[in-house]
């Protein structure tokens, strides 16, 4: 092989190695973000349930459609 071809092949192999490392790092970041997103979704569901339970336990209930008493 010519020196030019060998140099090009070496450059391509180096680029491929760096791209593989980058893809792996990005995959790990996306995996961590997915776990965090799932955790936040569970927390939001729990808060929504607690809010619903609290609203249901209030005397007379809270009606969003009703105008305030001063109208």
C-alpha atoms as a PDB file:
ATOM      1  CA  UNK A   1       0.000   0.000   0.000  1.00  0.00           C
ATOM      2  CA  UNK A   2       1.086   3.504  -0.637  1.00  0.00           C
ATOM      3  CA  UNK A   3       1.943   5.833   2.212  1.00  0.00           C
ATOM      4  CA  UNK A   4      -0.985   8.074   1.315  1.00  0.00           C
ATOM      5  CA  UNK A   5      -3.446   5.186   1.416  1.00  0.00           C
ATOM      6  CA  UNK A   6      -2.027   3.942   4.722  1.00  0.00           C
ATOM      7  CA  UNK A   7      -2.307   7.435   6.207  1.00  0.00           C
ATOM      8  CA  UNK A   8      -5.930   7.742   5.058  1.00  0.00           C
ATOM      9  CA  UNK A   9      -6.752   4.334   6.494  1.00  0.00           C
ATOM     10  CA  UNK A  10      -5.134   5.243   9.817  1.00  0.00           C
ATOM     11  CA  UNK A  11      -7.103   8.499   9.912  1.00  0.00           C
ATOM     12  CA  UNK A  12     -10.361   6.684   9.220  1.00  0.00           C
ATOM     13  CA  UNK A  13      -9.660   4.108  11.923  1.00  0.00           C
ATOM     14  CA  UNK A  14      -8.888   6.889  14.392  1.00  0.00           C
ATOM     15  CA  UNK A  15     -12.089   8.723  13.507  1.00  0.00           C
ATOM     16  CA  UNK A  16     -14.080   5.525  13.900  1.00  0.00           C
ATOM     17  CA  UNK A  17     -12.611   4.914  17.345  1.00  0.00           C
ATOM     18  CA  UNK A  18     -13.507   8.439  18.463  1.00  0.00           C
ATOM     19  CA  UNK A  19     -16.995   8.108  17.024  1.00  0.00           C
ATOM     20  CA  UNK A  20     -17.512   4.829  18.865  1.00  0.00           C
ATOM     21  CA  UNK A  21     -16.468   6.494  22.128  1.00  0.00           C
ATOM     22  CA  UNK A  22     -18.789   9.436  21.464  1.00  0.00           C
ATOM     23  CA  UNK A  23     -21.729   7.181  20.659  1.00  0.00           C
ATOM     24  CA  UNK A  24     -21.157   5.197  23.847  1.00  0.00           C
ATOM     25  CA  UNK A  25     -20.983   8.383  25.942  1.00  0.00           C
ATOM     26  CA  UNK A  26     -24.165   9.707  24.347  1.00  0.00           C
ATOM     27  CA  UNK A  27     -25.928   6.394  24.931  1.00  0.00           C
ATOM     28  CA  UNK A  28     -24.989   6.494  28.618  1.00  0.00           C
ATOM     29  CA  UNK A  29     -26.250  10.080  28.913  1.00  0.00           C
ATOM     30  CA  UNK A  30     -29.577   9.204  27.266  1.00  0.00           C
ATOM     31  CA  UNK A  31     -29.955   6.182  29.555  1.00  0.00           C
ATOM     32  CA  UNK A  32     -29.362   8.325  32.654  1.00  0.00           C
ATOM     33  CA  UNK A  33     -31.818  10.933  31.420  1.00  0.00           C
ATOM     34  CA  UNK A  34     -34.438   8.260  30.758  1.00  0.00           C
ATOM     35  CA  UNK A  35     -34.113   6.973  34.320  1.00  0.00           C
ATOM     36  CA  UNK A  36     -34.394  10.515  35.683  1.00  0.00           C
ATOM     37  CA  UNK A  37     -37.438  11.191  33.496  1.00  0.00           C
ATOM     38  CA  UNK A  38     -39.161   8.050  34.774  1.00  0.00           C
ATOM     39  CA  UNK A  39     -38.396   9.079  38.366  1.00  0.00           C
ATOM     40  CA  UNK A  40     -39.836  12.555  37.765  1.00  0.00           C
ATOM     41  CA  UNK A  41     -42.957  11.100  36.145  1.00  0.00           C
ATOM     42  CA  UNK A  42     -43.549   8.859  39.170  1.00  0.00           C
ATOM     43  CA  UNK A  43     -43.104  11.852  41.481  1.00  0.00           C
ATOM     44  CA  UNK A  44     -45.553  13.912  39.440  1.00  0.00           C
ATOM     45  CA  UNK A  45     -48.129  11.123  39.524  1.00  0.00           C
ATOM     46  CA  UNK A  46     -47.742  10.848  43.298  1.00  0.00           C
ATOM     47  CA  UNK A  47     -48.165  14.605  43.736  1.00  0.00           C
ATOM     48  CA  UNK A  48     -51.233  14.631  41.500  1.00  0.00           C
ATOM     49  CA  UNK A  49     -52.754  11.800  43.531  1.00  0.00           C
ATOM     50  CA  UNK A  50     -52.018  13.589  46.801  1.00  0.00           C
ATOM     51  CA  UNK A  51     -53.589  16.776  45.454  1.00  0.00           C
ATOM     52  CA  UNK A  52     -56.690  14.869  44.375  1.00  0.00           C
ATOM     53  CA  UNK A  53     -56.918  13.187  47.788  1.00  0.00           C
ATOM     54  CA  UNK A  54     -56.558  16.532  49.544  1.00  0.00           C
ATOM     55  CA  UNK A  55     -59.192  18.182  47.346  1.00  0.00           C
ATOM     56  CA  UNK A  56     -61.580  15.290  48.009  1.00  0.00           C
ATOM     57  CA  UNK A  57     -61.067  15.574  51.758  1.00  0.00           C
ATOM     58  CA  UNK A  58     -61.949  19.290  51.909  1.00  0.00           C
ATOM     59  CA  UNK A  59     -65.421  20.006  53.289  1.00  0.00           C
ATOM     60  CA  UNK A  60     -67.880  20.909  50.557  1.00  0.00           C
ATOM     61  CA  UNK A  61     -65.333  20.171  47.851  1.00  0.00           C
ATOM     62  CA  UNK A  62     -63.727  22.742  45.630  1.00  0.00           C
ATOM     63  CA  UNK A  63     -65.599  23.627  42.456  1.00  0.00           C
ATOM     64  CA  UNK A  64     -63.470  25.343  39.827  1.00  0.00           C
ATOM     65  CA  UNK A  65     -66.542  26.093  37.710  1.00  0.00           C
ATOM     66  CA  UNK A  66     -68.360  28.014  40.444  1.00  0.00           C
ATOM     67  CA  UNK A  67     -67.892  31.783  40.640  1.00  0.00           C
ATOM     68  CA  UNK A  68     -66.684  33.250  43.928  1.00  0.00           C
ATOM     69  CA  UNK A  69     -69.467  34.047  46.463  1.00  0.00           C
ATOM     70  CA  UNK A  70     -69.209  37.824  45.965  1.00  0.00           C
ATOM     71  CA  UNK A  71     -70.648  37.642  42.396  1.00  0.00           C
END
